[in-house]
Amino acid sequence: MTQTTRTATGPRTYLMCPPEYFAVEYVINPWMHPDEPVDAGLAMDQWQRLHDVYTGLGHTVHTIPALPGLPDMVFAANGATVIGGSVLGARFRYAEREPEAAAYLSWLRQHGYGRSGGEVRESTVINEGEGDLVFAGRAVLAGYGFRTDEAIAPVLADLFGLPVISLRLVDPRFYHLDTALTVLSEDVAAYYPAAFDDASRAALAGHFAELIEAKDEDAEVLGLNAISDGQHVVLPKQATGLTAQLAAAGFMPVGVDMSELLKAGGGPKCCTLELRY
């Protein structure tokens, strides 16, 4: 049997925020337990390792300064959605994170967005950026049910000019779409079927030519909170079964340890906002 050869689709550009003020001080998802201590030094080391993996793969990484009082700002994916040079700002469901939206929009404006043909739009609809809004090449996948409102779909279609596939999340452990699904290439995704309702599973099967189904034990360590460049897939190293599935499908898995960030329900993708110019 000949293994499929996967090809990276060029260097990517990412925005990350160091976990300078990272802590678990409140509860807004089932992963968060303020009574369990966080090792701030280890969190920074794990974040730096993720940063270095990206640059080692040839990608560009920009950083946004962390702000005091925003312990979840490290989860850059939630800060905005950036496609084709246009930006949709986040509008967080919980007040604890709402100030992050302005910080990310300010950084993006300062770095040229909105001045080179693209539009920077603040959102009136609750959405948590790339945590729930996933670019899939020919469409945008829009997760809803916990942190983003279903009404975001027409906003996305209008701003980015792409079809939108709405996907309902049904398991609170997988509160953002990027905890239950990762787009590996334009035609391939990995996902955890139990995180979605029947209609959403059917929609995914209709859109992707190939779907890799993650097992319970890999989903439960947020193994799907991953980043793919079409060939390399950076994912939590604890997701050993998914790592083997990806390798068997022709991808090159790169395992990283994000155990401290997992204490707030985060992983590699949560820490990474892709800047698509």
C-alpha atoms as a PDB file:
ATOM      1  CA  MET A   1       0.000   0.000   0.000  1.00  0.00           C
ATOM      2  CA  THR A   2       1.442   3.392  -1.027  1.00  0.00           C
ATOM      3  CA  GLN A   3       1.296   6.052   1.660  1.00  0.00           C
ATOM      4  CA  THR A   4      -0.088   9.443   0.716  1.00  0.00           C
ATOM      5  CA  THR A   5       2.563  12.155   0.517  1.00  0.00           C
ATOM      6  CA  ARG A   6       1.554  15.359   2.295  1.00  0.00           C
ATOM      7  CA  THR A   7       2.973  18.717   1.278  1.00  0.00           C
ATOM      8  CA  ALA A   8       3.369  21.841   3.377  1.00  0.00           C
ATOM      9  CA  THR A   9       1.587  24.820   1.855  1.00  0.00           C
ATOM     10  CA  GLY A  10       4.322  27.360   2.398  1.00  0.00           C
ATOM     11  CA  PRO A  11       5.589  29.129   5.516  1.00  0.00           C
ATOM     12  CA  ARG A  12       2.906  30.370   7.896  1.00  0.00           C
ATOM     13  CA  THR A  13       2.818  33.496  10.049  1.00  0.00           C
ATOM     14  CA  TYR A  14       1.633  33.205  13.627  1.00  0.00           C
ATOM     15  CA  LEU A  15       0.921  35.568  16.513  1.00  0.00           C
ATOM     16  CA  MET A  16       1.597  34.396  20.057  1.00  0.00           C
ATOM     17  CA  CYS A  17       1.417  35.946  23.516  1.00  0.00           C
ATOM     18  CA  PRO A  18       3.840  34.836  26.240  1.00  0.00           C
ATOM     19  CA  PRO A  19       2.184  33.483  29.411  1.00  0.00           C
ATOM     20  CA  GLU A  20       3.747  36.166  31.591  1.00  0.00           C
ATOM     21  CA  TYR A  21       0.601  36.524  33.686  1.00  0.00           C
ATOM     22  CA  PHE A  22      -0.846  33.048  33.110  1.00  0.00           C
ATOM     23  CA  ALA A  23      -2.832  31.647  36.025  1.00  0.00           C
ATOM     24  CA  VAL A  24      -6.096  29.863  36.667  1.00  0.00           C
ATOM     25  CA  GLU A  25      -8.027  32.442  38.683  1.00  0.00           C
ATOM     26  CA  TYR A  26     -11.632  31.774  37.607  1.00  0.00           C
ATOM     27  CA  VAL A  27     -13.718  29.029  36.013  1.00  0.00           C
ATOM     28  CA  ILE A  28     -15.115  29.483  32.502  1.00  0.00           C
ATOM     29  CA  ASN A  29     -14.611  25.935  31.194  1.00  0.00           C
ATOM     30  CA  PRO A  30     -14.539  22.438  32.733  1.00  0.00           C
ATOM     31  CA  TRP A  31     -10.731  22.236  32.609  1.00  0.00           C
ATOM     32  CA  MET A  32     -10.178  25.129  35.009  1.00  0.00           C
ATOM     33  CA  HIS A  33      -9.625  24.425  38.719  1.00  0.00           C
ATOM     34  CA  PRO A  34      -8.273  27.459  40.620  1.00  0.00           C
ATOM     35  CA  ASP A  35      -7.376  25.272  43.585  1.00  0.00           C
ATOM     36  CA  GLU A  36      -4.762  23.438  41.487  1.00  0.00           C
ATOM     37  CA  PRO A  37      -1.504  25.400  41.394  1.00  0.00           C
ATOM     38  CA  VAL A  38       0.024  26.486  38.087  1.00  0.00           C
ATOM     39  CA  ASP A  39       3.796  26.392  37.580  1.00  0.00           C
ATOM     40  CA  ALA A  40       4.348  29.727  35.838  1.00  0.00           C
ATOM     41  CA  GLY A  41       7.940  28.949  34.967  1.00  0.00           C
ATOM     42  CA  LEU A  42       7.034  25.645  33.367  1.00  0.00           C
ATOM     43  CA  ALA A  43       4.203  27.285  31.435  1.00  0.00           C
ATOM     44  CA  MET A  44       6.680  29.801  30.002  1.00  0.00           C
ATOM     45  CA  ASP A  45       9.146  27.043  29.112  1.00  0.00           C
ATOM     46  CA  GLN A  46       6.432  25.043  27.323  1.00  0.00           C
ATOM     47  CA  TRP A  47       5.234  28.130  25.460  1.00  0.00           C
ATOM     48  CA  GLN A  48       8.798  28.938  24.386  1.00  0.00           C
ATOM     49  CA  ARG A  49       9.254  25.382  23.135  1.00  0.00           C
ATOM     50  CA  LEU A  50       6.120  25.730  21.003  1.00  0.00           C
ATOM     51  CA  HIS A  51       7.408  29.042  19.642  1.00  0.00           C
ATOM     52  CA  ASP A  52      10.747  27.433  18.770  1.00  0.00           C
ATOM     53  CA  VAL A  53       9.081  24.464  17.070  1.00  0.00           C
ATOM     54  CA  TYR A  54       7.256  26.857  14.749  1.00  0.00           C
ATOM     55  CA  THR A  55      10.366  28.803  13.842  1.00  0.00           C
ATOM     56  CA  GLY A  56      12.278  25.551  13.411  1.00  0.00           C
ATOM     57  CA  LEU A  57       9.711  24.484  10.826  1.00  0.00           C
ATOM     58  CA  GLY A  58      10.324  27.713   8.906  1.00  0.00           C
ATOM     59  CA  HIS A  59       7.312  29.682  10.110  1.00  0.00           C
ATOM     60  CA  THR A  60       7.338  33.309  11.283  1.00  0.00           C
ATOM     61  CA  VAL A  61       6.201  34.064  14.816  1.00  0.00           C
ATOM     62  CA  HIS A  62       5.249  37.534  16.041  1.00  0.00           C
ATOM     63  CA  THR A  63       4.525  38.207  19.694  1.00  0.00           C
ATOM     64  CA  ILE A  64       2.020  40.518  21.346  1.00  0.00           C
ATOM     65  CA  PRO A  65       2.909  41.781  24.836  1.00  0.00           C
ATOM     66  CA  ALA A  66       1.001  40.163  27.677  1.00  0.00           C
ATOM     67  CA  LEU A  67      -1.091  42.507  29.810  1.00  0.00           C
ATOM     68  CA  PRO A  68      -1.469  42.248  33.597  1.00  0.00           C
ATOM     69  CA  GLY A  69      -4.868  41.135  34.766  1.00  0.00           C
ATOM     70  CA  LEU A  70      -5.483  39.012  31.661  1.00  0.00           C
ATOM     71  CA  PRO A  71      -4.257  35.519  32.596  1.00  0.00           C
ATOM     72  CA  ASP A  72      -5.814  33.902  29.493  1.00  0.00           C
ATOM     73  CA  MET A  73      -4.289  36.317  26.973  1.00  0.00           C
ATOM     74  CA  VAL A  74      -1.732  33.597  26.209  1.00  0.00           C
ATOM     75  CA  PHE A  75      -4.507  31.905  24.218  1.00  0.00           C
ATOM     76  CA  ALA A  76      -3.942  34.074  21.159  1.00  0.00           C
ATOM     77  CA  ALA A  77      -6.230  32.043  18.906  1.00  0.00           C
ATOM     78  CA  ASN A  78      -9.224  33.621  20.635  1.00  0.00           C
ATOM     79  CA  GLY A  79      -8.122  37.187  19.936  1.00  0.00           C
ATOM     80  CA  ALA A  80      -9.428  37.533  16.370  1.00  0.00           C
ATOM     81  CA  THR A  81      -9.979  35.781  13.047  1.00  0.00           C
ATOM     82  CA  VAL A  82      -7.670  36.787  10.198  1.00  0.00           C
ATOM     83  CA  ILE A  83      -8.339  35.650   6.620  1.00  0.00           C
ATOM     84  CA  GLY A  84      -7.143  37.233   3.389  1.00  0.00           C
ATOM     85  CA  GLY A  85      -5.920  40.382   5.091  1.00  0.00           C
ATOM     86  CA  SER A  86      -9.267  41.086   6.776  1.00  0.00           C
ATOM     87  CA  VAL A  87      -9.882  40.817  10.496  1.00  0.00           C
ATOM     88  CA  LEU A  88     -12.942  40.033  12.579  1.00  0.00           C
ATOM     89  CA  GLY A  89     -12.416  41.015  16.172  1.00  0.00           C
ATOM     90  CA  ALA A  90     -13.440  38.781  19.029  1.00  0.00           C
ATOM     91  CA  ARG A  91     -16.322  39.511  21.367  1.00  0.00           C
ATOM     92  CA  PHE A  92     -15.862  37.292  24.387  1.00  0.00           C
ATOM     93  CA  ARG A  93     -18.706  35.616  26.208  1.00  0.00           C
ATOM     94  CA  TYR A  94     -17.169  36.148  29.641  1.00  0.00           C
ATOM     95  CA  ALA A  95     -16.277  39.536  31.089  1.00  0.00           C
ATOM     96  CA  GLU A  96     -12.972  38.198  32.438  1.00  0.00           C
ATOM     97  CA  ARG A  97     -11.597  37.923  28.894  1.00  0.00           C
ATOM     98  CA  GLU A  98     -13.338  40.799  27.110  1.00  0.00           C
ATOM     99  CA  PRO A  99     -10.385  43.272  27.387  1.00  0.00           C
ATOM    100  CA  GLU A 100      -8.280  40.882  25.293  1.00  0.00           C
ATOM    101  CA  ALA A 101     -10.330  41.732  22.201  1.00  0.00           C
ATOM    102  CA  ALA A 102      -9.226  45.369  22.122  1.00  0.00           C
ATOM    103  CA  ALA A 103      -5.607  44.428  22.774  1.00  0.00           C
ATOM    104  CA  TYR A 104      -5.477  42.068  19.800  1.00  0.00           C
ATOM    105  CA  LEU A 105      -7.306  44.468  17.462  1.00  0.00           C
ATOM    106  CA  SER A 106      -4.933  47.259  18.462  1.00  0.00           C
ATOM    107  CA  TRP A 107      -1.899  45.094  17.675  1.00  0.00           C
ATOM    108  CA  LEU A 108      -3.309  44.067  14.302  1.00  0.00           C
ATOM    109  CA  ARG A 109      -4.103  47.655  13.335  1.00  0.00           C
ATOM    110  CA  GLN A 110      -0.638  48.774  14.398  1.00  0.00           C
ATOM    111  CA  HIS A 111       0.845  46.100  12.150  1.00  0.00           C
ATOM    112  CA  GLY A 112      -0.921  47.198   8.990  1.00  0.00           C
ATOM    113  CA  TYR A 113      -4.279  45.481   8.996  1.00  0.00           C
ATOM    114  CA  GLY A 114      -6.986  47.762   7.686  1.00  0.00           C
ATOM    115  CA  ARG A 115      -4.495  49.886   5.742  1.00  0.00           C
ATOM    116  CA  SER A 116      -3.699  47.532   2.867  1.00  0.00           C
ATOM    117  CA  GLY A 117      -7.070  46.704   1.348  1.00  0.00           C
ATOM    118  CA  GLY A 118      -8.410  44.427   4.054  1.00  0.00           C
ATOM    119  CA  GLU A 119     -11.070  45.403   6.561  1.00  0.00           C
ATOM    120  CA  VAL A 120     -10.778  45.335  10.326  1.00  0.00           C
ATOM    121  CA  ARG A 121     -14.227  44.838  11.817  1.00  0.00           C
ATOM    122  CA  GLU A 122     -15.302  44.827  15.436  1.00  0.00           C
ATOM    123  CA  SER A 123     -17.966  42.242  16.124  1.00  0.00           C
ATOM    124  CA  THR A 124     -21.389  42.850  17.607  1.00  0.00           C
ATOM    125  CA  VAL A 125     -21.929  39.079  17.777  1.00  0.00           C
ATOM    126  CA  ILE A 126     -20.351  36.929  20.477  1.00  0.00           C
ATOM    127  CA  ASN A 127     -17.405  35.030  18.980  1.00  0.00           C
ATOM    128  CA  GLU A 128     -14.116  33.836  20.366  1.00  0.00           C
ATOM    129  CA  GLY A 129     -11.931  34.162  17.300  1.00  0.00           C
ATOM    130  CA  GLU A 130     -10.098  31.195  15.884  1.00  0.00           C
ATOM    131  CA  GLY A 131     -11.098  29.172  18.900  1.00  0.00           C
ATOM    132  CA  ASP A 132     -14.407  28.597  17.113  1.00  0.00           C
ATOM    133  CA  LEU A 133     -13.865  30.047  13.636  1.00  0.00           C
ATOM    134  CA  VAL A 134     -11.623  27.781  11.610  1.00  0.00           C
ATOM    135  CA  PHE A 135     -10.373  28.540   8.103  1.00  0.00           C
ATOM    136  CA  ALA A 136     -10.688  25.437   5.932  1.00  0.00           C
ATOM    137  CA  GLY A 137      -9.463  26.743   2.580  1.00  0.00           C
ATOM    138  CA  ARG A 138     -12.727  26.682   0.658  1.00  0.00           C
ATOM    139  CA  ALA A 139     -14.923  27.593   3.627  1.00  0.00           C
ATOM    140  CA  VAL A 140     -14.954  28.809   7.207  1.00  0.00           C
ATOM    141  CA  LEU A 141     -16.064  26.349   9.875  1.00  0.00           C
ATOM    142  CA  ALA A 142     -17.992  28.083  12.643  1.00  0.00           C
ATOM    143  CA  GLY A 143     -18.383  26.253  15.934  1.00  0.00           C
ATOM    144  CA  TYR A 144     -21.200  27.322  18.231  1.00  0.00           C
ATOM    145  CA  GLY A 145     -23.032  26.097  21.292  1.00  0.00           C
ATOM    146  CA  PHE A 146     -20.834  27.236  24.159  1.00  0.00           C
ATOM    147  CA  ARG A 147     -18.670  30.291  23.481  1.00  0.00           C
ATOM    148  CA  THR A 148     -19.674  31.608  20.040  1.00  0.00           C
ATOM    149  CA  ASP A 149     -23.183  32.454  18.820  1.00  0.00           C
ATOM    150  CA  GLU A 150     -24.592  30.728  15.741  1.00  0.00           C
ATOM    151  CA  ALA A 151     -25.472  34.201  14.410  1.00  0.00           C
ATOM    152  CA  ILE A 152     -21.802  34.760  13.556  1.00  0.00           C
ATOM    153  CA  ALA A 153     -22.240  32.832  10.265  1.00  0.00           C
ATOM    154  CA  PRO A 154     -23.606  35.691   8.094  1.00  0.00           C
ATOM    155  CA  VAL A 155     -20.996  38.062   9.543  1.00  0.00           C
ATOM    156  CA  LEU A 156     -18.220  35.708   8.443  1.00  0.00           C
ATOM    157  CA  ALA A 157     -19.696  35.225   4.976  1.00  0.00           C
ATOM    158  CA  ASP A 158     -20.020  38.977   4.460  1.00  0.00           C
ATOM    159  CA  LEU A 159     -16.532  39.873   5.659  1.00  0.00           C
ATOM    160  CA  PHE A 160     -14.483  37.021   4.218  1.00  0.00           C
ATOM    161  CA  GLY A 161     -16.570  36.147   1.141  1.00  0.00           C
ATOM    162  CA  LEU A 162     -16.478  32.421   1.864  1.00  0.00           C
ATOM    163  CA  PRO A 163     -19.159  29.810   2.544  1.00  0.00           C
ATOM    164  CA  VAL A 164     -19.691  29.153   6.240  1.00  0.00           C
ATOM    165  CA  ILE A 165     -20.372  25.723   7.708  1.00  0.00           C
ATOM    166  CA  SER A 166     -21.958  26.003  11.162  1.00  0.00           C
ATOM    167  CA  LEU A 167     -21.074  23.184  13.556  1.00  0.00           C
ATOM    168  CA  ARG A 168     -22.855  22.650  16.878  1.00  0.00           C
ATOM    169  CA  LEU A 169     -20.697  21.558  19.805  1.00  0.00           C
ATOM    170  CA  VAL A 170     -22.491  19.419  22.383  1.00  0.00           C
ATOM    171  CA  ASP A 171     -19.870  18.397  24.987  1.00  0.00           C
ATOM    172  CA  PRO A 172     -18.803  21.189  27.379  1.00  0.00           C
ATOM    173  CA  ARG A 173     -15.297  19.734  27.657  1.00  0.00           C
ATOM    174  CA  PHE A 174     -14.864  20.683  24.021  1.00  0.00           C
ATOM    175  CA  TYR A 175     -16.083  24.217  24.444  1.00  0.00           C
ATOM    176  CA  HIS A 176     -14.278  25.625  21.390  1.00  0.00           C
ATOM    177  CA  LEU A 177     -14.170  24.108  17.929  1.00  0.00           C
ATOM    178  CA  ASP A 178     -10.380  23.982  18.021  1.00  0.00           C
ATOM    179  CA  THR A 179     -10.524  21.543  20.940  1.00  0.00           C
ATOM    180  CA  ALA A 180     -12.516  19.025  18.878  1.00  0.00           C
ATOM    181  CA  LEU A 181     -11.262  19.485  15.314  1.00  0.00           C
ATOM    182  CA  THR A 182      -8.125  20.425  13.439  1.00  0.00           C
ATOM    183  CA  VAL A 183      -7.922  21.128   9.715  1.00  0.00           C
ATOM    184  CA  LEU A 184      -4.898  19.239   8.414  1.00  0.00           C
ATOM    185  CA  SER A 185      -5.156  20.374   4.778  1.00  0.00           C
ATOM    186  CA  GLU A 186      -7.889  21.723   2.526  1.00  0.00           C
ATOM    187  CA  ASP A 187      -9.396  18.251   2.099  1.00  0.00           C
ATOM    188  CA  VAL A 188      -8.433  16.504   5.341  1.00  0.00           C
ATOM    189  CA  ALA A 189      -9.375  17.087   8.971  1.00  0.00           C
ATOM    190  CA  ALA A 190      -9.099  15.218  12.252  1.00  0.00           C
ATOM    191  CA  TYR A 191     -11.984  15.442  14.715  1.00  0.00           C
ATOM    192  CA  TYR A 192     -13.723  13.916  17.706  1.00  0.00           C
ATOM    193  CA  PRO A 193     -17.196  12.847  16.504  1.00  0.00           C
ATOM    194  CA  ALA A 194     -18.794  12.790  19.970  1.00  0.00           C
ATOM    195  CA  ALA A 195     -18.196  16.534  20.366  1.00  0.00           C
ATOM    196  CA  PHE A 196     -20.690  17.321  17.563  1.00  0.00           C
ATOM    197  CA  ASP A 197     -24.370  16.775  16.889  1.00  0.00           C
ATOM    198  CA  ASP A 198     -25.536  14.525  14.033  1.00  0.00           C
ATOM    199  CA  ALA A 199     -26.066  17.358  11.561  1.00  0.00           C
ATOM    200  CA  SER A 200     -22.599  18.726  12.170  1.00  0.00           C
ATOM    201  CA  ARG A 201     -20.945  15.347  11.698  1.00  0.00           C
ATOM    202  CA  ALA A 202     -22.812  15.022   8.400  1.00  0.00           C
ATOM    203  CA  ALA A 203     -21.695  18.504   7.348  1.00  0.00           C
ATOM    204  CA  LEU A 204     -18.054  17.642   8.041  1.00  0.00           C
ATOM    205  CA  ALA A 205     -18.342  14.385   6.103  1.00  0.00           C
ATOM    206  CA  GLY A 206     -19.793  16.320   3.189  1.00  0.00           C
ATOM    207  CA  HIS A 207     -17.027  18.908   3.158  1.00  0.00           C
ATOM    208  CA  PHE A 208     -13.837  16.922   3.727  1.00  0.00           C
ATOM    209  CA  ALA A 209     -12.662  14.142   1.448  1.00  0.00           C
ATOM    210  CA  GLU A 210     -10.934  12.491   4.413  1.00  0.00           C
ATOM    211  CA  LEU A 211     -11.725  12.600   8.132  1.00  0.00           C
ATOM    212  CA  ILE A 212      -9.508  11.104  10.829  1.00  0.00           C
ATOM    213  CA  GLU A 213     -11.491  10.185  13.944  1.00  0.00           C
ATOM    214  CA  ALA A 214      -9.678  10.788  17.223  1.00  0.00           C
ATOM    215  CA  LYS A 215     -10.186   8.310  20.027  1.00  0.00           C
ATOM    216  CA  ASP A 216     -11.518   9.265  23.462  1.00  0.00           C
ATOM    217  CA  GLU A 217      -8.139   9.143  25.177  1.00  0.00           C
ATOM    218  CA  ASP A 218      -6.564  11.527  22.666  1.00  0.00           C
ATOM    219  CA  ALA A 219      -9.464  13.983  22.655  1.00  0.00           C
ATOM    220  CA  GLU A 220      -9.360  14.024  26.465  1.00  0.00           C
ATOM    221  CA  VAL A 221      -5.807  15.450  26.451  1.00  0.00           C
ATOM    222  CA  LEU A 222      -6.868  18.035  23.823  1.00  0.00           C
ATOM    223  CA  GLY A 223      -4.883  16.200  21.185  1.00  0.00           C
ATOM    224  CA  LEU A 224      -6.943  17.889  18.492  1.00  0.00           C
ATOM    225  CA  ASN A 225      -5.850  21.339  19.629  1.00  0.00           C
ATOM    226  CA  ALA A 226      -3.219  21.219  16.929  1.00  0.00           C
ATOM    227  CA  ILE A 227      -1.669  23.266  14.128  1.00  0.00           C
ATOM    228  CA  SER A 228      -0.979  21.874  10.643  1.00  0.00           C
ATOM    229  CA  ASP A 229       0.913  23.409   7.733  1.00  0.00           C
ATOM    230  CA  GLY A 230      -0.326  20.661   5.429  1.00  0.00           C
ATOM    231  CA  GLN A 231       2.551  18.338   6.283  1.00  0.00           C
ATOM    232  CA  HIS A 232       3.741  18.907   9.859  1.00  0.00           C
ATOM    233  CA  VAL A 233       1.176  18.695  12.645  1.00  0.00           C
ATOM    234  CA  VAL A 234       2.133  20.228  15.984  1.00  0.00           C
ATOM    235  CA  LEU A 235       0.041  18.594  18.704  1.00  0.00           C
ATOM    236  CA  PRO A 236       0.164  17.656  22.395  1.00  0.00           C
ATOM    237  CA  LYS A 237       2.663  14.830  22.842  1.00  0.00           C
ATOM    238  CA  GLN A 238       0.279  13.064  25.205  1.00  0.00           C
ATOM    239  CA  ALA A 239      -2.025  12.249  22.249  1.00  0.00           C
ATOM    240  CA  THR A 240      -0.041   9.179  21.290  1.00  0.00           C
ATOM    241  CA  GLY A 241      -2.829   7.380  19.440  1.00  0.00           C
ATOM    242  CA  LEU A 242      -3.634  10.407  17.288  1.00  0.00           C
ATOM    243  CA  THR A 243       0.066  10.868  16.621  1.00  0.00           C
ATOM    244  CA  ALA A 244       0.181   7.345  15.204  1.00  0.00           C
ATOM    245  CA  GLN A 245      -2.976   7.938  13.131  1.00  0.00           C
ATOM    246  CA  LEU A 246      -1.524  11.107  11.631  1.00  0.00           C
ATOM    247  CA  ALA A 247       1.752   9.411  10.784  1.00  0.00           C
ATOM    248  CA  ALA A 248      -0.113   6.529   9.142  1.00  0.00           C
ATOM    249  CA  ALA A 249      -2.008   9.093   7.036  1.00  0.00           C
ATOM    250  CA  GLY A 250       1.249  10.576   5.745  1.00  0.00           C
ATOM    251  CA  PHE A 251       1.563  13.592   8.037  1.00  0.00           C
ATOM    252  CA  MET A 252       4.617  14.386  10.167  1.00  0.00           C
ATOM    253  CA  PRO A 253       3.474  14.798  13.802  1.00  0.00           C
ATOM    254  CA  VAL A 254       5.536  17.020  16.102  1.00  0.00           C
ATOM    255  CA  GLY A 255       4.697  16.452  19.746  1.00  0.00           C
ATOM    256  CA  VAL A 256       4.947  19.231  22.333  1.00  0.00           C
ATOM    257  CA  ASP A 257       4.171  19.223  26.045  1.00  0.00           C
ATOM    258  CA  MET A 258       1.551  21.840  26.976  1.00  0.00           C
ATOM    259  CA  SER A 259       0.529  20.316  30.303  1.00  0.00           C
ATOM    260  CA  GLU A 260       0.532  23.608  32.231  1.00  0.00           C
ATOM    261  CA  LEU A 261      -1.588  25.421  29.655  1.00  0.00           C
ATOM    262  CA  LEU A 262      -3.968  22.448  29.661  1.00  0.00           C
ATOM    263  CA  LYS A 263      -4.911  23.445  33.208  1.00  0.00           C
ATOM    264  CA  ALA A 264      -6.867  26.309  31.616  1.00  0.00           C
ATOM    265  CA  GLY A 265      -8.151  24.187  28.728  1.00  0.00           C
ATOM    266  CA  GLY A 266      -5.462  25.175  26.216  1.00  0.00           C
ATOM    267  CA  GLY A 267      -2.976  23.564  23.870  1.00  0.00           C
ATOM    268  CA  PRO A 268      -0.815  24.430  20.850  1.00  0.00           C
ATOM    269  CA  LYS A 269      -3.634  25.839  18.725  1.00  0.00           C
ATOM    270  CA  CYS A 270      -5.099  27.871  21.570  1.00  0.00           C
ATOM    271  CA  CYS A 271      -1.738  29.616  21.881  1.00  0.00           C
ATOM    272  CA  THR A 272      -1.534  30.405  18.175  1.00  0.00           C
ATOM    273  CA  LEU A 273      -3.359  32.931  16.004  1.00  0.00           C
ATOM    274  CA  GLU A 274      -2.601  32.485  12.307  1.00  0.00           C
ATOM    275  CA  LEU A 275      -2.119  35.725  10.391  1.00  0.00           C
ATOM    276  CA  ARG A 276      -3.358  35.200   6.853  1.00  0.00           C
ATOM    277  CA  TYR A 277      -2.424  38.202   4.731  1.00  0.00           C
END
